[in-house]
Amino acid sequence: MAVKGLKSQRDQGEIYQEIKQQSSIALTKTGLKLLDSLAASFKLSRSEFIERIARNILLVFEVNSKDLVTLELIAKSKDINLSKAVEQAIQLYNKTQNENANKSS
């Protein structure tokens, strides 16, 4: 992923101060399409999407279909994309967890 104002150079890390190494993963056609779709929804390349998951920069949660439908409805009602609705849901969850932790202290 390029950094604005800097020219990309081979064998020099731009974001993480280290270079990325080529690797290979095996996915089904469906899995690859879903990965590409998810990465695109965050406006990231497939490689950067996986990098951010691995570094816990981008968190992945397993949700059941009922929760996903609820988030999709919330996103539509607020006229935002699904990833933004998920981000807001995570922020609300974290806030609730922090408040509960403070009450327990």
PDB file of N, CA and C in Angstrom:
ATOM      1  N   MET A   1       0.852  -1.167   0.000  1.00  0.00           N
ATOM      2  CA  MET A   1       0.000   0.000   0.000  1.00  0.00           C
ATOM      3  C   MET A   1       0.897   1.228   0.000  1.00  0.00           C
ATOM      4  N   ALA A   2       0.676   2.097  -0.940  1.00  0.00           N
ATOM      5  CA  ALA A   2       1.516   3.276  -1.075  1.00  0.00           C
ATOM      6  C   ALA A   2       1.181   4.320  -0.010  1.00  0.00           C
ATOM      7  N   VAL A   3       2.204   5.062   0.353  1.00  0.00           N
ATOM      8  CA  VAL A   3       2.026   6.167   1.282  1.00  0.00           C
ATOM      9  C   VAL A   3       2.046   7.443   0.455  1.00  0.00           C
ATOM     10  N   LYS A   4       1.046   8.283   0.626  1.00  0.00           N
ATOM     11  CA  LYS A   4       0.931   9.501  -0.164  1.00  0.00           C
ATOM     12  C   LYS A   4       2.184  10.356  -0.005  1.00  0.00           C
ATOM     13  N   GLY A   5       2.719  10.776  -1.137  1.00  0.00           N
ATOM     14  CA  GLY A   5       3.888  11.639  -1.130  1.00  0.00           C
ATOM     15  C   GLY A   5       5.209  10.886  -1.163  1.00  0.00           C
ATOM     16  N   LEU A   6       5.169   9.567  -1.016  1.00  0.00           N
ATOM     17  CA  LEU A   6       6.391   8.769  -1.073  1.00  0.00           C
ATOM     18  C   LEU A   6       6.331   7.818  -2.250  1.00  0.00           C
ATOM     19  N   LYS A   7       7.429   7.723  -2.977  1.00  0.00           N
ATOM     20  CA  LYS A   7       7.498   6.800  -4.099  1.00  0.00           C
ATOM     21  C   LYS A   7       7.817   5.409  -3.555  1.00  0.00           C
ATOM     22  N   SER A   8       7.027   4.435  -3.976  1.00  0.00           N
ATOM     23  CA  SER A   8       7.274   3.062  -3.551  1.00  0.00           C
ATOM     24  C   SER A   8       8.608   2.584  -4.104  1.00  0.00           C
ATOM     25  N   GLN A   9       9.357   1.885  -3.268  1.00  0.00           N
ATOM     26  CA  GLN A   9      10.624   1.330  -3.704  1.00  0.00           C
ATOM     27  C   GLN A   9      10.691  -0.132  -3.301  1.00  0.00           C
ATOM     28  N   ARG A  10      11.171  -0.922  -4.238  1.00  0.00           N
ATOM     29  CA  ARG A  10      11.281  -2.348  -3.987  1.00  0.00           C
ATOM     30  C   ARG A  10      12.204  -2.607  -2.799  1.00  0.00           C
ATOM     31  N   ASP A  11      11.830  -3.577  -1.989  1.00  0.00           N
ATOM     32  CA  ASP A  11      12.626  -4.010  -0.834  1.00  0.00           C
ATOM     33  C   ASP A  11      12.750  -2.948   0.260  1.00  0.00           C
ATOM     34  N   GLN A  12      11.763  -2.049   0.354  1.00  0.00           N
ATOM     35  CA  GLN A  12      11.741  -1.086   1.453  1.00  0.00           C
ATOM     36  C   GLN A  12      10.337  -1.041   2.020  1.00  0.00           C
ATOM     37  N   GLY A  13      10.223  -1.254   3.329  1.00  0.00           N
ATOM     38  CA  GLY A  13       8.924  -1.199   3.971  1.00  0.00           C
ATOM     39  C   GLY A  13       8.411   0.229   4.008  1.00  0.00           C
ATOM     40  N   GLU A  14       7.130   0.400   3.760  1.00  0.00           N
ATOM     41  CA  GLU A  14       6.548   1.739   3.763  1.00  0.00           C
ATOM     42  C   GLU A  14       5.762   1.999   5.045  1.00  0.00           C
ATOM     43  N   ILE A  15       4.947   1.053   5.446  1.00  0.00           N
ATOM     44  CA  ILE A  15       4.069   1.262   6.582  1.00  0.00           C
ATOM     45  C   ILE A  15       4.628   0.602   7.833  1.00  0.00           C
ATOM     46  N   TYR A  16       5.087  -0.624   7.713  1.00  0.00           N
ATOM     47  CA  TYR A  16       5.460  -1.419   8.877  1.00  0.00           C
ATOM     48  C   TYR A  16       6.963  -1.481   9.111  1.00  0.00           C
ATOM     49  N   GLN A  17       7.735  -0.690   8.402  1.00  0.00           N
ATOM     50  CA  GLN A  17       9.184  -0.632   8.552  1.00  0.00           C
ATOM     51  C   GLN A  17       9.868  -1.969   8.287  1.00  0.00           C
ATOM     52  N   GLU A  18       9.201  -2.814   7.563  1.00  0.00           N
ATOM     53  CA  GLU A  18       9.804  -4.062   7.112  1.00  0.00           C
ATOM     54  C   GLU A  18       9.137  -4.439   5.799  1.00  0.00           C
ATOM     55  N   ILE A  19       9.847  -5.177   4.979  1.00  0.00           N
ATOM     56  CA  ILE A  19       9.286  -5.528   3.680  1.00  0.00           C
ATOM     57  C   ILE A  19       8.373  -6.744   3.800  1.00  0.00           C
ATOM     58  N   LYS A  20       7.404  -6.791   2.929  1.00  0.00           N
ATOM     59  CA  LYS A  20       6.513  -7.944   2.899  1.00  0.00           C
ATOM     60  C   LYS A  20       7.185  -9.061   2.111  1.00  0.00           C
ATOM     61  N   GLN A  21       6.930 -10.275   2.526  1.00  0.00           N
ATOM     62  CA  GLN A  21       7.461 -11.440   1.839  1.00  0.00           C
ATOM     63  C   GLN A  21       6.325 -12.128   1.110  1.00  0.00           C
ATOM     64  N   GLN A  22       6.632 -12.622  -0.053  1.00  0.00           N
ATOM     65  CA  GLN A  22       5.631 -13.352  -0.817  1.00  0.00           C
ATOM     66  C   GLN A  22       5.299 -14.646  -0.084  1.00  0.00           C
ATOM     67  N   SER A  23       4.012 -14.972  -0.020  1.00  0.00           N
ATOM     68  CA  SER A  23       3.576 -16.213   0.606  1.00  0.00           C
ATOM     69  C   SER A  23       2.413 -16.755  -0.199  1.00  0.00           C
ATOM     70  N   SER A  24       2.001 -17.935   0.152  1.00  0.00           N
ATOM     71  CA  SER A  24       0.920 -18.569  -0.593  1.00  0.00           C
ATOM     72  C   SER A  24      -0.079 -19.161   0.392  1.00  0.00           C
ATOM     73  N   ILE A  25      -1.347 -18.979   0.100  1.00  0.00           N
ATOM     74  CA  ILE A  25      -2.397 -19.616   0.878  1.00  0.00           C
ATOM     75  C   ILE A  25      -3.347 -20.304  -0.101  1.00  0.00           C
ATOM     76  N   ALA A  26      -3.992 -21.321   0.352  1.00  0.00           N
ATOM     77  CA  ALA A  26      -4.927 -22.043  -0.504  1.00  0.00           C
ATOM     78  C   ALA A  26      -6.351 -21.735  -0.059  1.00  0.00           C
ATOM     79  N   LEU A  27      -7.167 -21.266  -0.990  1.00  0.00           N
ATOM     80  CA  LEU A  27      -8.565 -20.954  -0.728  1.00  0.00           C
ATOM     81  C   LEU A  27      -9.426 -21.526  -1.845  1.00  0.00           C
ATOM     82  N   THR A  28     -10.660 -21.804  -1.511  1.00  0.00           N
ATOM     83  CA  THR A  28     -11.600 -22.191  -2.562  1.00  0.00           C
ATOM     84  C   THR A  28     -11.915 -20.953  -3.398  1.00  0.00           C
ATOM     85  N   LYS A  29     -12.531 -21.145  -4.550  1.00  0.00           N
ATOM     86  CA  LYS A  29     -12.925 -20.005  -5.380  1.00  0.00           C
ATOM     87  C   LYS A  29     -13.868 -19.092  -4.606  1.00  0.00           C
ATOM     88  N   THR A  30     -14.776 -19.709  -3.866  1.00  0.00           N
ATOM     89  CA  THR A  30     -15.729 -18.920  -3.075  1.00  0.00           C
ATOM     90  C   THR A  30     -15.007 -18.139  -1.983  1.00  0.00           C
ATOM     91  N   GLY A  31     -14.099 -18.799  -1.281  1.00  0.00           N
ATOM     92  CA  GLY A  31     -13.339 -18.138  -0.230  1.00  0.00           C
ATOM     93  C   GLY A  31     -12.539 -16.964  -0.765  1.00  0.00           C
ATOM     94  N   LEU A  32     -11.931 -17.140  -1.937  1.00  0.00           N
ATOM     95  CA  LEU A  32     -11.145 -16.072  -2.541  1.00  0.00           C
ATOM     96  C   LEU A  32     -12.032 -14.889  -2.930  1.00  0.00           C
ATOM     97  N   LYS A  33     -13.198 -15.184  -3.488  1.00  0.00           N
ATOM     98  CA  LYS A  33     -14.136 -14.111  -3.851  1.00  0.00           C
ATOM     99  C   LYS A  33     -14.595 -13.356  -2.607  1.00  0.00           C
ATOM    100  N   LEU A  34     -14.881 -14.093  -1.538  1.00  0.00           N
ATOM    101  CA  LEU A  34     -15.319 -13.456  -0.294  1.00  0.00           C
ATOM    102  C   LEU A  34     -14.199 -12.615   0.315  1.00  0.00           C
ATOM    103  N   LEU A  35     -12.969 -13.136   0.279  1.00  0.00           N
ATOM    104  CA  LEU A  35     -11.822 -12.375   0.792  1.00  0.00           C
ATOM    105  C   LEU A  35     -11.645 -11.086   0.008  1.00  0.00           C
ATOM    106  N   ASP A  36     -11.713 -11.178  -1.314  1.00  0.00           N
ATOM    107  CA  ASP A  36     -11.569  -9.989  -2.148  1.00  0.00           C
ATOM    108  C   ASP A  36     -12.687  -8.985  -1.882  1.00  0.00           C
ATOM    109  N   SER A  37     -13.888  -9.488  -1.682  1.00  0.00           N
ATOM    110  CA  SER A  37     -15.027  -8.614  -1.408  1.00  0.00           C
ATOM    111  C   SER A  37     -14.860  -7.899  -0.070  1.00  0.00           C
ATOM    112  N   LEU A  38     -14.433  -8.643   0.945  1.00  0.00           N
ATOM    113  CA  LEU A  38     -14.199  -8.037   2.260  1.00  0.00           C
ATOM    114  C   LEU A  38     -13.087  -6.995   2.199  1.00  0.00           C
ATOM    115  N   ALA A  39     -11.995  -7.344   1.546  1.00  0.00           N
ATOM    116  CA  ALA A  39     -10.877  -6.400   1.429  1.00  0.00           C
ATOM    117  C   ALA A  39     -11.328  -5.139   0.692  1.00  0.00           C
ATOM    118  N   ALA A  40     -12.083  -5.308  -0.372  1.00  0.00           N
ATOM    119  CA  ALA A  40     -12.569  -4.160  -1.148  1.00  0.00           C
ATOM    120  C   ALA A  40     -13.499  -3.285  -0.316  1.00  0.00           C
ATOM    121  N   SER A  41     -14.294  -3.891   0.569  1.00  0.00           N
ATOM    122  CA  SER A  41     -15.213  -3.102   1.391  1.00  0.00           C
ATOM    123  C   SER A  41     -14.463  -2.172   2.348  1.00  0.00           C
ATOM    124  N   PHE A  42     -13.213  -2.523   2.663  1.00  0.00           N
ATOM    125  CA  PHE A  42     -12.371  -1.668   3.502  1.00  0.00           C
ATOM    126  C   PHE A  42     -11.402  -0.838   2.656  1.00  0.00           C
ATOM    127  N   LYS A  43     -11.551  -0.947   1.334  1.00  0.00           N
ATOM    128  CA  LYS A  43     -10.679  -0.247   0.386  1.00  0.00           C
ATOM    129  C   LYS A  43      -9.216  -0.641   0.590  1.00  0.00           C
ATOM    130  N   LEU A  44      -8.995  -1.956   0.782  1.00  0.00           N
ATOM    131  CA  LEU A  44      -7.659  -2.495   0.984  1.00  0.00           C
ATOM    132  C   LEU A  44      -7.376  -3.575  -0.044  1.00  0.00           C
ATOM    133  N   SER A  45      -6.106  -3.786  -0.306  1.00  0.00           N
ATOM    134  CA  SER A  45      -5.726  -4.928  -1.141  1.00  0.00           C
ATOM    135  C   SER A  45      -5.906  -6.196  -0.321  1.00  0.00           C
ATOM    136  N   ARG A  46      -5.951  -7.315  -0.988  1.00  0.00           N
ATOM    137  CA  ARG A  46      -6.058  -8.608  -0.304  1.00  0.00           C
ATOM    138  C   ARG A  46      -4.894  -8.768   0.680  1.00  0.00           C
ATOM    139  N   SER A  47      -3.691  -8.430   0.240  1.00  0.00           N
ATOM    140  CA  SER A  47      -2.497  -8.562   1.061  1.00  0.00           C
ATOM    141  C   SER A  47      -2.561  -7.683   2.311  1.00  0.00           C
ATOM    142  N   GLU A  48      -2.943  -6.423   2.127  1.00  0.00           N
ATOM    143  CA  GLU A  48      -3.006  -5.500   3.266  1.00  0.00           C
ATOM    144  C   GLU A  48      -4.120  -5.891   4.230  1.00  0.00           C
ATOM    145  N   PHE A  49      -5.220  -6.390   3.703  1.00  0.00           N
ATOM    146  CA  PHE A  49      -6.335  -6.844   4.542  1.00  0.00           C
ATOM    147  C   PHE A  49      -5.865  -7.963   5.477  1.00  0.00           C
ATOM    148  N   ILE A  50      -5.184  -8.944   4.929  1.00  0.00           N
ATOM    149  CA  ILE A  50      -4.674 -10.068   5.726  1.00  0.00           C
ATOM    150  C   ILE A  50      -3.612  -9.583   6.713  1.00  0.00           C
ATOM    151  N   GLU A  51      -2.740  -8.673   6.275  1.00  0.00           N
ATOM    152  CA  GLU A  51      -1.704  -8.101   7.157  1.00  0.00           C
ATOM    153  C   GLU A  51      -2.341  -7.449   8.376  1.00  0.00           C
ATOM    154  N   ARG A  52      -3.392  -6.663   8.158  1.00  0.00           N
ATOM    155  CA  ARG A  52      -4.036  -5.959   9.276  1.00  0.00           C
ATOM    156  C   ARG A  52      -4.746  -6.918  10.218  1.00  0.00           C
ATOM    157  N   ILE A  53      -5.309  -7.987   9.685  1.00  0.00           N
ATOM    158  CA  ILE A  53      -5.917  -9.010  10.545  1.00  0.00           C
ATOM    159  C   ILE A  53      -4.831  -9.656  11.402  1.00  0.00           C
ATOM    160  N   ALA A  54      -3.722 -10.012  10.780  1.00  0.00           N
ATOM    161  CA  ALA A  54      -2.629 -10.678  11.499  1.00  0.00           C
ATOM    162  C   ALA A  54      -2.049  -9.790  12.596  1.00  0.00           C
ATOM    163  N   ARG A  55      -2.024  -8.484  12.382  1.00  0.00           N
ATOM    164  CA  ARG A  55      -1.464  -7.550  13.362  1.00  0.00           C
ATOM    165  C   ARG A  55      -2.506  -7.058  14.369  1.00  0.00           C
ATOM    166  N   ASN A  56      -3.716  -7.589  14.321  1.00  0.00           N
ATOM    167  CA  ASN A  56      -4.826  -7.160  15.178  1.00  0.00           C
ATOM    168  C   ASN A  56      -5.157  -5.681  15.006  1.00  0.00           C
ATOM    169  N   ILE A  57      -4.880  -5.155  13.837  1.00  0.00           N
ATOM    170  CA  ILE A  57      -5.280  -3.788  13.506  1.00  0.00           C
ATOM    171  C   ILE A  57      -6.736  -3.810  13.073  1.00  0.00           C
ATOM    172  N   LEU A  58      -7.091  -4.843  12.373  1.00  0.00           N
ATOM    173  CA  LEU A  58      -8.459  -5.045  11.921  1.00  0.00           C
ATOM    174  C   LEU A  58      -8.944  -6.320  12.595  1.00  0.00           C
ATOM    175  N   LEU A  59      -9.975  -6.203  13.397  1.00  0.00           N
ATOM    176  CA  LEU A  59     -10.460  -7.354  14.155  1.00  0.00           C
ATOM    177  C   LEU A  59     -11.553  -8.075  13.383  1.00  0.00           C
ATOM    178  N   VAL A  60     -11.550  -9.374  13.475  1.00  0.00           N
ATOM    179  CA  VAL A  60     -12.539 -10.198  12.790  1.00  0.00           C
ATOM    180  C   VAL A  60     -13.364 -10.918  13.842  1.00  0.00           C
ATOM    181  N   PHE A  61     -14.673 -10.799  13.730  1.00  0.00           N
ATOM    182  CA  PHE A  61     -15.576 -11.461  14.648  1.00  0.00           C
ATOM    183  C   PHE A  61     -16.474 -12.394  13.865  1.00  0.00           C
ATOM    184  N   GLU A  62     -16.757 -13.522  14.438  1.00  0.00           N
ATOM    185  CA  GLU A  62     -17.721 -14.427  13.831  1.00  0.00           C
ATOM    186  C   GLU A  62     -19.100 -14.024  14.340  1.00  0.00           C
ATOM    187  N   VAL A  63     -20.010 -13.801  13.413  1.00  0.00           N
ATOM    188  CA  VAL A  63     -21.371 -13.429  13.792  1.00  0.00           C
ATOM    189  C   VAL A  63     -22.341 -14.411  13.150  1.00  0.00           C
ATOM    190  N   ASN A  64     -23.446 -14.626  13.833  1.00  0.00           N
ATOM    191  CA  ASN A  64     -24.446 -15.498  13.219  1.00  0.00           C
ATOM    192  C   ASN A  64     -25.260 -14.688  12.214  1.00  0.00           C
ATOM    193  N   SER A  65     -26.013 -15.354  11.377  1.00  0.00           N
ATOM    194  CA  SER A  65     -26.734 -14.673  10.299  1.00  0.00           C
ATOM    195  C   SER A  65     -27.757 -13.673  10.831  1.00  0.00           C
ATOM    196  N   LYS A  66     -28.338 -13.944  12.000  1.00  0.00           N
ATOM    197  CA  LYS A  66     -29.310 -13.014  12.593  1.00  0.00           C
ATOM    198  C   LYS A  66     -28.632 -11.684  12.935  1.00  0.00           C
ATOM    199  N   ASP A  67     -27.436 -11.767  13.549  1.00  0.00           N
ATOM    200  CA  ASP A  67     -26.701 -10.554  13.888  1.00  0.00           C
ATOM    201  C   ASP A  67     -26.281  -9.789  12.645  1.00  0.00           C
ATOM    202  N   LEU A  68     -25.865 -10.518  11.615  1.00  0.00           N
ATOM    203  CA  LEU A  68     -25.446  -9.876  10.376  1.00  0.00           C
ATOM    204  C   LEU A  68     -26.612  -9.158   9.711  1.00  0.00           C
ATOM    205  N   VAL A  69     -27.767  -9.787   9.688  1.00  0.00           N
ATOM    206  CA  VAL A  69     -28.954  -9.143   9.125  1.00  0.00           C
ATOM    207  C   VAL A  69     -29.290  -7.889   9.917  1.00  0.00           C
ATOM    208  N   THR A  70     -29.179  -7.962  11.236  1.00  0.00           N
ATOM    209  CA  THR A  70     -29.441  -6.797  12.084  1.00  0.00           C
ATOM    210  C   THR A  70     -28.477  -5.665  11.740  1.00  0.00           C
ATOM    211  N   LEU A  71     -27.188  -5.978  11.603  1.00  0.00           N
ATOM    212  CA  LEU A  71     -26.207  -4.956  11.251  1.00  0.00           C
ATOM    213  C   LEU A  71     -26.475  -4.380   9.861  1.00  0.00           C
ATOM    214  N   GLU A  72     -26.881  -5.227   8.928  1.00  0.00           N
ATOM    215  CA  GLU A  72     -27.207  -4.734   7.579  1.00  0.00           C
ATOM    216  C   GLU A  72     -28.396  -3.777   7.635  1.00  0.00           C
ATOM    217  N   LEU A  73     -29.402  -4.098   8.436  1.00  0.00           N
ATOM    218  CA  LEU A  73     -30.568  -3.222   8.573  1.00  0.00           C
ATOM    219  C   LEU A  73     -30.185  -1.886   9.221  1.00  0.00           C
ATOM    220  N   ILE A  74     -29.332  -1.952  10.239  1.00  0.00           N
ATOM    221  CA  ILE A  74     -28.854  -0.727  10.881  1.00  0.00           C
ATOM    222  C   ILE A  74     -28.092   0.128   9.867  1.00  0.00           C
ATOM    223  N   ALA A  75     -27.226  -0.517   9.087  1.00  0.00           N
ATOM    224  CA  ALA A  75     -26.443   0.213   8.087  1.00  0.00           C
ATOM    225  C   ALA A  75     -27.362   0.902   7.085  1.00  0.00           C
ATOM    226  N   LYS A  76     -28.375   0.183   6.617  1.00  0.00           N
ATOM    227  CA  LYS A  76     -29.306   0.766   5.647  1.00  0.00           C
ATOM    228  C   LYS A  76     -30.085   1.919   6.267  1.00  0.00           C
ATOM    229  N   SER A  77     -30.527   1.746   7.512  1.00  0.00           N
ATOM    230  CA  SER A  77     -31.319   2.799   8.155  1.00  0.00           C
ATOM    231  C   SER A  77     -30.493   4.059   8.405  1.00  0.00           C
ATOM    232  N   LYS A  78     -29.190   3.891   8.627  1.00  0.00           N
ATOM    233  CA  LYS A  78     -28.316   5.044   8.862  1.00  0.00           C
ATOM    234  C   LYS A  78     -27.657   5.521   7.578  1.00  0.00           C
ATOM    235  N   ASP A  79     -27.949   4.835   6.464  1.00  0.00           N
ATOM    236  CA  ASP A  79     -27.372   5.156   5.164  1.00  0.00           C
ATOM    237  C   ASP A  79     -25.840   5.135   5.206  1.00  0.00           C
ATOM    238  N   ILE A  80     -25.294   4.065   5.827  1.00  0.00           N
ATOM    239  CA  ILE A  80     -23.844   3.859   5.879  1.00  0.00           C
ATOM    240  C   ILE A  80     -23.548   2.462   5.373  1.00  0.00           C
ATOM    241  N   ASN A  81     -22.286   2.205   5.044  1.00  0.00           N
ATOM    242  CA  ASN A  81     -21.965   0.860   4.573  1.00  0.00           C
ATOM    243  C   ASN A  81     -21.850  -0.102   5.759  1.00  0.00           C
ATOM    244  N   LEU A  82     -21.879  -1.368   5.452  1.00  0.00           N
ATOM    245  CA  LEU A  82     -21.888  -2.403   6.489  1.00  0.00           C
ATOM    246  C   LEU A  82     -20.641  -2.335   7.363  1.00  0.00           C
ATOM    247  N   SER A  83     -19.480  -2.091   6.766  1.00  0.00           N
ATOM    248  CA  SER A  83     -18.255  -2.052   7.572  1.00  0.00           C
ATOM    249  C   SER A  83     -18.310  -0.920   8.608  1.00  0.00           C
ATOM    250  N   LYS A  84     -18.928   0.206   8.253  1.00  0.00           N
ATOM    251  CA  LYS A  84     -19.073   1.314   9.203  1.00  0.00           C
ATOM    252  C   LYS A  84     -20.025   0.915  10.337  1.00  0.00           C
ATOM    253  N   ALA A  85     -21.101   0.197  10.001  1.00  0.00           N
ATOM    254  CA  ALA A  85     -22.041  -0.262  11.027  1.00  0.00           C
ATOM    255  C   ALA A  85     -21.354  -1.240  11.974  1.00  0.00           C
ATOM    256  N   VAL A  86     -20.528  -2.106  11.436  1.00  0.00           N
ATOM    257  CA  VAL A  86     -19.788  -3.058  12.266  1.00  0.00           C
ATOM    258  C   VAL A  86     -18.819  -2.299  13.172  1.00  0.00           C
ATOM    259  N   GLU A  87     -18.131  -1.321  12.613  1.00  0.00           N
ATOM    260  CA  GLU A  87     -17.194  -0.505  13.401  1.00  0.00           C
ATOM    261  C   GLU A  87     -17.918   0.179  14.563  1.00  0.00           C
ATOM    262  N   GLN A  88     -19.084   0.729  14.285  1.00  0.00           N
ATOM    263  CA  GLN A  88     -19.855   1.386  15.340  1.00  0.00           C
ATOM    264  C   GLN A  88     -20.325   0.376  16.393  1.00  0.00           C
ATOM    265  N   ALA A  89     -20.706  -0.815  15.954  1.00  0.00           N
ATOM    266  CA  ALA A  89     -21.138  -1.855  16.888  1.00  0.00           C
ATOM    267  C   ALA A  89     -19.982  -2.266  17.796  1.00  0.00           C
ATOM    268  N   ILE A  90     -18.784  -2.367  17.235  1.00  0.00           N
ATOM    269  CA  ILE A  90     -17.607  -2.733  18.033  1.00  0.00           C
ATOM    270  C   ILE A  90     -17.290  -1.639  19.044  1.00  0.00           C
ATOM    271  N   GLN A  91     -17.377  -0.376  18.618  1.00  0.00           N
ATOM    272  CA  GLN A  91     -17.127   0.735  19.533  1.00  0.00           C
ATOM    273  C   GLN A  91     -18.129   0.721  20.687  1.00  0.00           C
ATOM    274  N   LEU A  92     -19.389   0.467  20.377  1.00  0.00           N
ATOM    275  CA  LEU A  92     -20.416   0.400  21.412  1.00  0.00           C
ATOM    276  C   LEU A  92     -20.148  -0.765  22.362  1.00  0.00           C
ATOM    277  N   TYR A  93     -19.759  -1.910  21.809  1.00  0.00           N
ATOM    278  CA  TYR A  93     -19.432  -3.078  22.624  1.00  0.00           C
ATOM    279  C   TYR A  93     -18.262  -2.760  23.560  1.00  0.00           C
ATOM    280  N   ASN A  94     -17.205  -2.148  23.018  1.00  0.00           N
ATOM    281  CA  ASN A  94     -16.038  -1.799  23.834  1.00  0.00           C
ATOM    282  C   ASN A  94     -16.401  -0.813  24.933  1.00  0.00           C
ATOM    283  N   LYS A  95     -17.231   0.164  24.604  1.00  0.00           N
ATOM    284  CA  LYS A  95     -17.662   1.149  25.599  1.00  0.00           C
ATOM    285  C   LYS A  95     -18.435   0.460  26.723  1.00  0.00           C
ATOM    286  N   THR A  96     -19.331  -0.445  26.361  1.00  0.00           N
ATOM    287  CA  THR A  96     -20.119  -1.187  27.347  1.00  0.00           C
ATOM    288  C   THR A  96     -19.213  -2.035  28.238  1.00  0.00           C
ATOM    289  N   GLN A  97     -18.227  -2.700  27.620  1.00  0.00           N
ATOM    290  CA  GLN A  97     -17.289  -3.525  28.381  1.00  0.00           C
ATOM    291  C   GLN A  97     -16.505  -2.673  29.372  1.00  0.00           C
ATOM    292  N   ASN A  98     -16.052  -1.499  28.923  1.00  0.00           N
ATOM    293  CA  ASN A  98     -15.288  -0.598  29.811  1.00  0.00           C
ATOM    294  C   ASN A  98     -16.151  -0.112  30.959  1.00  0.00           C
ATOM    295  N   GLU A  99     -17.391   0.243  30.673  1.00  0.00           N
ATOM    296  CA  GLU A  99     -18.306   0.706  31.733  1.00  0.00           C
ATOM    297  C   GLU A  99     -18.565  -0.400  32.747  1.00  0.00           C
ATOM    298  N   ASN A 100     -18.746  -1.624  32.250  1.00  0.00           N
ATOM    299  CA  ASN A 100     -18.970  -2.757  33.156  1.00  0.00           C
ATOM    300  C   ASN A 100     -17.733  -3.040  34.012  1.00  0.00           C
ATOM    301  N   ALA A 101     -16.562  -2.895  33.419  1.00  0.00           N
ATOM    302  CA  ALA A 101     -15.322  -3.111  34.171  1.00  0.00           C
ATOM    303  C   ALA A 101     -15.157  -2.057  35.253  1.00  0.00           C
ATOM    304  N   ASN A 102     -15.515  -0.809  34.926  1.00  0.00           N
ATOM    305  CA  ASN A 102     -15.412   0.277  35.911  1.00  0.00           C
ATOM    306  C   ASN A 102     -16.392   0.081  37.058  1.00  0.00           C
ATOM    307  N   LYS A 103     -17.580  -0.450  36.776  1.00  0.00           N
ATOM    308  CA  LYS A 103     -18.573  -0.711  37.825  1.00  0.00           C
ATOM    309  C   LYS A 103     -18.101  -1.811  38.762  1.00  0.00           C
ATOM    310  N   SER A 104     -17.375  -2.779  38.209  1.00  0.00           N
ATOM    311  CA  SER A 104     -16.887  -3.910  39.005  1.00  0.00           C
ATOM    312  C   SER A 104     -15.731  -3.518  39.909  1.00  0.00           C
ATOM    313  N   SER A 105     -15.034  -2.442  39.554  1.00  0.00           N
ATOM    314  CA  SER A 105     -13.840  -2.028  40.327  1.00  0.00           C
ATOM    315  C   SER A 105     -14.184  -1.408  41.638  1.00  0.00           C
TER     316      SER A 105
END
